């Protein structure tokens, strides 16, 4: 008998409502629950996946009354095995159809631990700004290391909020011109994605967007938090490698080659030029500050403007562990990924 698999999903229903879902799959049977991030109340789920990977999930309230149905397609990525589910939610009578989309997060804790999104939302009418920030927190049977992760993740979010509010208060507030009064207000928006979360390491990529009133366009940048659960500390890139090895040079050589390949593959739409790539992906700590740990390799995010024009947006390179295996610290968090899989 196949063992039951627990999978965690994050996504949205409709154009704005974010949700998180936990599903336990045992053969074709599905059980679990979900909640809207703005509300937090869990809604029970049960259903199935048929031979054509069609998903049907019935939801019910605390009294057991059916309140809706999710129907969609279960799709597993050939690259990493992570599942996405997309389709439509309806009321039990088939009315009020709303599209939904979910993607699996690579969460694999041995104990009963879940990751939930916490929010910081604030509106200041006087200074005309809005803050909408999400950051991860763990719930369940938490070890000291996992409890420390919660504190550190909260600090990351609060630090960005504090810096934004400081910039807003330092701006001169005076009489507005007609152009300023009709322009949108300032904003800070931060979301996150989980690159990996298990008993050993948690790797988080934050996507931060800021807009200051009157600017031509918003700015975006990435932030990362890579946490060693066993040692209860935030990891530095150098912690992943043996002392003295030239890991930045190895990352740079691979990244430059891959960025050129990606741009060339886009043909006429490729917007990255060789000189920008060479500068933005050169072997410096600054260029490689946005890194995440995945099952397949070390993910490097290059922010907008770093290796190309603003219109090209951020770029991403996945450096396989096979490229790094001779440099990886044998007692570090990456060591398990270099061992042959049984």
Protein backbone atom coordinates (compact mmCIF):
# COMPACT_ATOMS: atom_id res chain seq x y z
CA UNK A 1 0.00 0.00 0.00
CA UNK A 2 1.37 3.39 -0.97
CA UNK A 3 2.15 5.69 1.94
CA UNK A 4 0.03 8.79 2.37
CA UNK A 5 1.69 11.99 1.14
CA UNK A 6 1.16 15.39 2.72
CA UNK A 7 1.49 18.39 0.43
CA UNK A 8 1.21 22.10 1.17
CA UNK A 9 -0.11 24.59 -1.35
CA UNK A 10 -0.31 28.35 -1.65
CA UNK A 11 -2.32 30.27 -4.20
CA UNK A 12 -5.39 32.34 -4.84
CA UNK A 13 -9.06 32.17 -5.68
CA UNK A 14 -10.51 34.93 -7.80
CA UNK A 15 -8.37 37.96 -8.51
CA UNK A 16 -7.32 38.85 -4.97
CA UNK A 17 -8.11 36.28 -2.26
CA UNK A 18 -4.98 34.44 -1.13
CA UNK A 19 -5.31 30.98 0.39
CA UNK A 20 -3.22 28.15 1.78
CA UNK A 21 -4.15 24.49 1.54
CA UNK A 22 -2.97 21.24 3.10
CA UNK A 23 -3.81 18.01 1.28
CA UNK A 24 -3.10 14.42 2.28
CA UNK A 25 -3.16 12.04 -0.68
CA UNK A 26 -3.53 8.28 -0.24
CA UNK A 27 -3.88 6.65 -3.65
CA UNK A 28 -6.85 8.45 -5.20
CA UNK A 29 -8.27 9.82 -1.95
CA UNK A 30 -7.70 13.39 -0.76
CA UNK A 31 -8.33 14.90 2.67
CA UNK A 32 -7.21 18.17 4.18
CA UNK A 33 -8.18 21.76 4.84
CA UNK A 34 -7.61 25.29 3.64
CA UNK A 35 -7.96 28.84 4.90
CA UNK A 36 -8.08 32.32 3.46
CA UNK A 37 -5.05 34.28 4.64
CA UNK A 38 -7.14 37.34 5.47
CA UNK A 39 -9.50 35.30 7.67
CA UNK A 40 -7.57 32.32 9.06
CA UNK A 41 -10.54 29.99 9.72
CA UNK A 42 -9.85 26.47 8.47
CA UNK A 43 -12.33 24.82 6.12
CA UNK A 44 -12.32 21.01 5.87
CA UNK A 45 -11.81 19.25 2.53
CA UNK A 46 -12.33 15.73 1.20
CA UNK A 47 -12.31 14.36 -2.32
CA UNK A 48 -10.34 12.44 -4.91
CA UNK A 49 -8.03 12.44 -7.94
CA UNK A 50 -9.13 10.26 -10.86
CA UNK A 51 -7.02 8.46 -13.49
CA UNK A 52 -7.00 11.60 -15.65
CA UNK A 53 -5.62 13.69 -12.75
CA UNK A 54 -8.91 15.51 -12.36
CA UNK A 55 -9.34 16.78 -8.80
CA UNK A 56 -12.69 17.10 -7.02
CA UNK A 57 -12.71 18.49 -3.47
CA UNK A 58 -15.79 19.12 -1.39
CA UNK A 59 -15.49 21.70 1.38
CA UNK A 60 -17.61 21.82 4.51
CA UNK A 61 -18.07 24.12 7.50
CA UNK A 62 -17.72 23.23 11.19
CA UNK A 63 -21.22 21.73 11.25
CA UNK A 64 -20.43 19.42 8.34
CA UNK A 65 -22.56 21.31 5.83
CA UNK A 66 -21.12 21.35 2.33
CA UNK A 67 -20.23 24.91 1.30
CA UNK A 68 -18.38 24.55 -2.00
CA UNK A 69 -16.56 22.39 -4.54
CA UNK A 70 -13.08 22.71 -6.03
CA UNK A 71 -12.62 21.06 -9.44
CA UNK A 72 -9.33 21.24 -11.27
CA UNK A 73 -6.33 19.49 -12.78
CA UNK A 74 -3.51 17.93 -10.73
CA UNK A 75 -0.23 18.58 -12.60
CA UNK A 76 3.18 17.43 -11.37
CA UNK A 77 6.26 19.25 -12.67
CA UNK A 78 8.68 17.02 -14.56
CA UNK A 79 11.55 19.16 -13.26
CA UNK A 80 11.02 19.02 -9.49
CA UNK A 81 7.89 16.94 -8.91
CA UNK A 82 6.01 19.83 -7.30
CA UNK A 83 2.29 19.85 -7.98
CA UNK A 84 0.03 22.61 -9.24
CA UNK A 85 -3.76 22.51 -9.17
CA UNK A 86 -5.87 24.90 -11.24
CA UNK A 87 -9.55 24.99 -12.00
CA UNK A 88 -12.79 26.47 -10.66
CA UNK A 89 -14.54 26.72 -7.30
CA UNK A 90 -18.32 26.72 -7.21
CA UNK A 91 -21.08 26.59 -4.66
CA UNK A 92 -22.61 23.13 -4.09
CA UNK A 93 -25.33 23.97 -6.62
CA UNK A 94 -22.76 24.90 -9.27
CA UNK A 95 -23.36 28.64 -9.01
CA UNK A 96 -20.84 31.45 -8.47
CA UNK A 97 -17.97 29.89 -10.44
CA UNK A 98 -14.58 31.36 -9.54
CA UNK A 99 -11.16 30.40 -10.90
CA UNK A 100 -8.48 29.19 -8.49
CA UNK A 101 -4.80 28.35 -8.82
CA UNK A 102 -2.52 26.57 -6.33
CA UNK A 103 1.15 25.69 -6.36
CA UNK A 104 2.87 23.26 -4.02
CA UNK A 105 5.49 24.57 -1.64
CA UNK A 106 8.54 22.33 -0.99
CA UNK A 107 7.79 21.80 2.72
CA UNK A 108 8.96 18.53 4.29
CA UNK A 109 9.06 18.58 8.09
CA UNK A 110 9.19 15.26 9.94
CA UNK A 111 6.89 16.56 12.68
CA UNK A 112 3.54 18.32 12.49
CA UNK A 113 4.74 21.74 11.39
CA UNK A 114 3.03 24.08 8.94
CA UNK A 115 4.02 27.37 7.36
CA UNK A 116 1.43 30.14 7.41
CA UNK A 117 1.57 33.65 5.99
CA UNK A 118 1.37 36.51 8.48
CA UNK A 119 0.53 40.04 7.36
CA UNK A 120 1.42 43.61 8.17
CA UNK A 121 -1.08 46.03 6.67
CA UNK A 122 -1.15 49.76 7.26
CA UNK A 123 -2.63 52.83 5.60
CA UNK A 124 -1.50 56.37 6.35
CA UNK A 125 -3.84 58.96 4.82
CA UNK A 126 -1.74 61.93 5.92
CA UNK A 127 1.48 60.72 4.31
CA UNK A 128 -0.49 58.87 1.62
CA UNK A 129 1.05 55.44 1.73
CA UNK A 130 -0.03 51.82 2.05
CA UNK A 131 1.87 48.87 3.42
CA UNK A 132 1.00 45.26 2.56
CA UNK A 133 3.62 42.79 3.74
CA UNK A 134 3.52 39.00 4.11
CA UNK A 135 6.12 36.90 5.91
CA UNK A 136 6.26 33.21 6.92
CA UNK A 137 5.64 31.83 10.39
CA UNK A 138 5.68 28.23 11.59
CA UNK A 139 2.93 26.56 13.60
CA UNK A 140 2.89 23.17 15.30
CA UNK A 141 5.49 21.14 17.19
CA UNK A 142 8.33 23.63 17.09
CA UNK A 143 11.92 22.95 18.10
CA UNK A 144 14.03 25.80 19.53
CA UNK A 145 15.52 26.30 16.07
CA UNK A 146 12.11 26.64 14.44
CA UNK A 147 10.96 29.07 17.13
CA UNK A 148 14.02 31.18 16.40
CA UNK A 149 13.18 31.10 12.70
CA UNK A 150 9.83 32.72 13.51
CA UNK A 151 11.54 35.55 15.36
CA UNK A 152 14.09 36.14 12.61
CA UNK A 153 11.48 36.10 9.83
CA UNK A 154 9.44 38.65 11.75
CA UNK A 155 12.51 40.85 12.11
CA UNK A 156 13.13 40.78 8.36
CA UNK A 157 9.59 41.99 7.67
CA UNK A 158 9.60 44.64 10.40
CA UNK A 159 12.98 45.97 9.27
CA UNK A 160 11.68 46.60 5.75
CA UNK A 161 8.51 48.24 7.08
CA UNK A 162 10.53 50.44 9.42
CA UNK A 163 12.89 51.55 6.64
CA UNK A 164 9.98 52.41 4.33
CA UNK A 165 8.18 54.42 7.04
CA UNK A 166 11.40 56.25 7.85
CA UNK A 167 11.77 57.26 4.20
CA UNK A 168 8.17 58.47 4.17
CA UNK A 169 8.52 60.64 7.29
CA UNK A 170 11.74 62.13 5.97
CA UNK A 171 10.02 63.29 2.79
CA UNK A 172 8.96 66.92 2.75
CA UNK A 173 5.24 67.21 3.29
CA UNK A 174 3.98 70.49 1.91
CA UNK A 175 1.34 71.93 -0.34
CA UNK A 176 0.67 69.64 -3.26
CA UNK A 177 0.74 70.57 -6.90
CA UNK A 178 -2.24 69.48 -9.02
CA UNK A 179 -0.06 66.77 -10.58
CA UNK A 180 0.94 65.39 -7.18
CA UNK A 181 -2.61 65.38 -5.86
CA UNK A 182 -3.78 63.20 -8.75
CA UNK A 183 -0.85 60.75 -8.63
CA UNK A 184 -1.09 57.43 -6.76
CA UNK A 185 0.22 57.24 -3.22
CA UNK A 186 3.40 55.52 -2.07
CA UNK A 187 3.38 51.83 -1.27
CA UNK A 188 5.39 48.92 0.08
CA UNK A 189 4.38 45.41 -1.00
CA UNK A 190 6.28 42.30 0.06
CA UNK A 191 5.42 38.68 -0.63
CA UNK A 192 7.47 35.53 -0.24
CA UNK A 193 8.05 32.10 -1.73
CA UNK A 194 9.54 29.04 -0.09
CA UNK A 195 12.52 27.53 -1.91
CA UNK A 196 12.86 24.75 0.67
CA UNK A 197 11.69 24.02 4.22
CA UNK A 198 12.65 20.93 6.22
CA UNK A 199 14.17 19.87 9.54
CA UNK A 200 17.62 21.08 8.47
CA UNK A 201 17.16 24.30 6.51
CA UNK A 202 14.52 26.86 5.56
CA UNK A 203 15.15 29.02 2.49
CA UNK A 204 12.88 31.97 1.79
CA UNK A 205 12.84 34.44 -1.11
CA UNK A 206 11.07 37.73 -0.45
CA UNK A 207 9.88 39.85 -3.39
CA UNK A 208 9.70 43.50 -2.36
CA UNK A 209 8.09 46.25 -4.40
CA UNK A 210 8.26 49.91 -3.43
CA UNK A 211 6.72 52.94 -5.04
CA UNK A 212 7.29 56.53 -3.94
CA UNK A 213 4.72 59.08 -4.97
CA UNK A 214 5.64 60.93 -8.12
CA UNK A 215 8.18 58.37 -9.35
CA UNK A 216 8.10 57.22 -12.97
CA UNK A 217 7.72 53.56 -12.01
CA UNK A 218 7.93 51.27 -8.97
CA UNK A 219 11.13 49.55 -7.93
CA UNK A 220 11.49 45.91 -7.03
CA UNK A 221 14.16 43.94 -5.26
CA UNK A 222 14.66 40.55 -3.70
CA UNK A 223 15.51 39.67 -0.12
CA UNK A 224 16.44 36.25 1.19
CA UNK A 225 16.47 34.46 4.49
CA UNK A 226 18.36 31.17 4.63
CA UNK A 227 18.14 29.58 8.04
CA UNK A 228 20.08 26.69 9.58
CA UNK A 229 17.42 25.02 11.77
CA UNK A 230 19.82 22.81 13.74
CA UNK A 231 22.15 25.66 14.67
CA UNK A 232 19.37 28.23 14.95
CA UNK A 233 21.06 30.88 12.86
CA UNK A 234 20.84 32.73 9.56
CA UNK A 235 23.24 31.36 6.97
CA UNK A 236 25.75 33.36 5.00
CA UNK A 237 26.70 32.24 1.50
CA UNK A 238 30.24 31.45 2.69
CA UNK A 239 28.82 29.00 5.28
CA UNK A 240 27.85 26.63 2.47
CA UNK A 241 31.41 26.08 1.27
CA UNK A 242 34.77 24.86 2.46
CA UNK A 243 37.05 27.60 3.84
CA UNK A 244 39.25 29.21 1.21
CA UNK A 245 37.54 27.88 -1.91
CA UNK A 246 36.71 30.34 -4.71
CA UNK A 247 32.97 29.72 -4.75
CA UNK A 248 32.09 33.18 -6.05
CA UNK A 249 34.21 32.64 -9.13
CA UNK A 250 32.53 29.29 -9.81
CA UNK A 251 29.06 30.77 -9.37
CA UNK A 252 29.98 33.69 -11.61
CA UNK A 253 31.31 31.57 -14.46
CA UNK A 254 28.19 29.40 -14.45
CA UNK A 255 25.76 32.31 -14.08
CA UNK A 256 27.29 34.40 -16.88
CA UNK A 257 27.16 31.46 -19.27
CA UNK A 258 23.57 30.61 -18.32
CA UNK A 259 22.31 34.20 -18.53
CA UNK A 260 23.76 34.50 -22.04
CA UNK A 261 22.10 31.21 -22.96
CA UNK A 262 18.74 32.36 -21.62
CA UNK A 263 18.93 35.67 -23.48
CA UNK A 264 19.97 34.00 -26.73
CA UNK A 265 17.09 31.52 -26.43
CA UNK A 266 14.66 34.45 -26.44
CA UNK A 267 15.92 35.53 -29.86
CA UNK A 268 14.86 39.07 -30.76
CA UNK A 269 13.14 39.36 -27.38
CA UNK A 270 16.37 38.83 -25.49
CA UNK A 271 17.17 42.05 -23.61
CA UNK A 272 20.40 41.16 -21.81
CA UNK A 273 23.68 42.39 -23.28
CA UNK A 274 27.04 40.80 -22.59
CA UNK A 275 28.55 43.81 -20.82
CA UNK A 276 25.64 44.11 -18.37
CA UNK A 277 25.79 40.38 -17.66
CA UNK A 278 29.55 40.49 -17.13
CA UNK A 279 29.20 43.37 -14.66
CA UNK A 280 26.06 42.29 -12.80
CA UNK A 281 27.11 38.63 -12.49
CA UNK A 282 30.79 39.28 -11.71
CA UNK A 283 32.30 37.39 -8.78
CA UNK A 284 31.43 39.80 -5.94
CA UNK A 285 29.45 39.23 -2.75
CA UNK A 286 27.09 42.06 -3.66
CA UNK A 287 26.09 40.37 -6.91
CA UNK A 288 25.32 37.10 -5.12
CA UNK A 289 23.42 38.28 -2.08
CA UNK A 290 20.05 36.90 -3.27
CA UNK A 291 20.50 33.15 -3.13
CA UNK A 292 18.21 30.32 -2.11
CA UNK A 293 18.61 26.62 -1.43
CA UNK A 294 16.55 24.19 -3.51
CA UNK A 295 16.61 20.41 -3.93
CA UNK A 296 18.24 20.71 -7.35
CA UNK A 297 20.75 23.48 -6.84
CA UNK A 298 21.59 26.92 -5.57
CA UNK A 299 19.16 29.51 -6.91
CA UNK A 300 20.56 32.96 -7.73
CA UNK A 301 18.22 35.92 -8.28
CA UNK A 302 19.52 38.97 -10.14
CA UNK A 303 17.32 42.00 -9.52
CA UNK A 304 16.03 44.40 -12.15
CA UNK A 305 18.84 46.56 -13.57
CA UNK A 306 21.51 44.15 -12.31
CA UNK A 307 22.20 42.20 -15.51
CA UNK A 308 19.92 44.06 -17.93
CA UNK A 309 17.50 46.97 -18.35
CA UNK A 310 14.53 47.53 -16.06
CA UNK A 311 12.16 46.23 -18.75
CA UNK A 312 13.90 42.83 -18.68
CA UNK A 313 12.89 42.37 -15.04
CA UNK A 314 14.69 40.13 -12.55
CA UNK A 315 16.63 37.12 -13.81
CA UNK A 316 17.14 33.71 -12.22
CA UNK A 317 19.87 31.09 -12.52
CA UNK A 318 19.85 27.65 -10.90
CA UNK A 319 23.38 26.39 -10.30
CA UNK A 320 23.29 22.55 -10.03
CA UNK A 321 24.95 21.02 -6.99
CA UNK A 322 27.05 18.90 -9.36
CA UNK A 323 28.86 22.10 -10.34
CA UNK A 324 29.57 22.93 -6.70
CA UNK A 325 30.05 19.50 -5.11
CA UNK A 326 33.84 19.72 -4.68
CA UNK A 327 33.48 23.04 -2.84
CA UNK A 328 30.54 22.27 -0.57
CA UNK A 329 31.21 22.11 3.17
CA UNK A 330 30.93 18.36 3.99
CA UNK A 331 29.24 19.06 7.34
CA UNK A 332 27.05 21.89 6.04
CA UNK A 333 23.41 22.09 5.04
CA UNK A 334 24.11 21.38 1.36
CA UNK A 335 25.95 18.11 1.98
CA UNK A 336 22.82 15.89 1.79
CA UNK A 337 22.11 17.15 -1.74
CA UNK A 338 25.49 15.92 -3.04
CA UNK A 339 24.96 12.33 -1.91
CA UNK A 340 23.59 9.73 -4.35
CA UNK A 341 19.82 9.28 -4.04
CA UNK A 342 18.82 5.73 -3.12
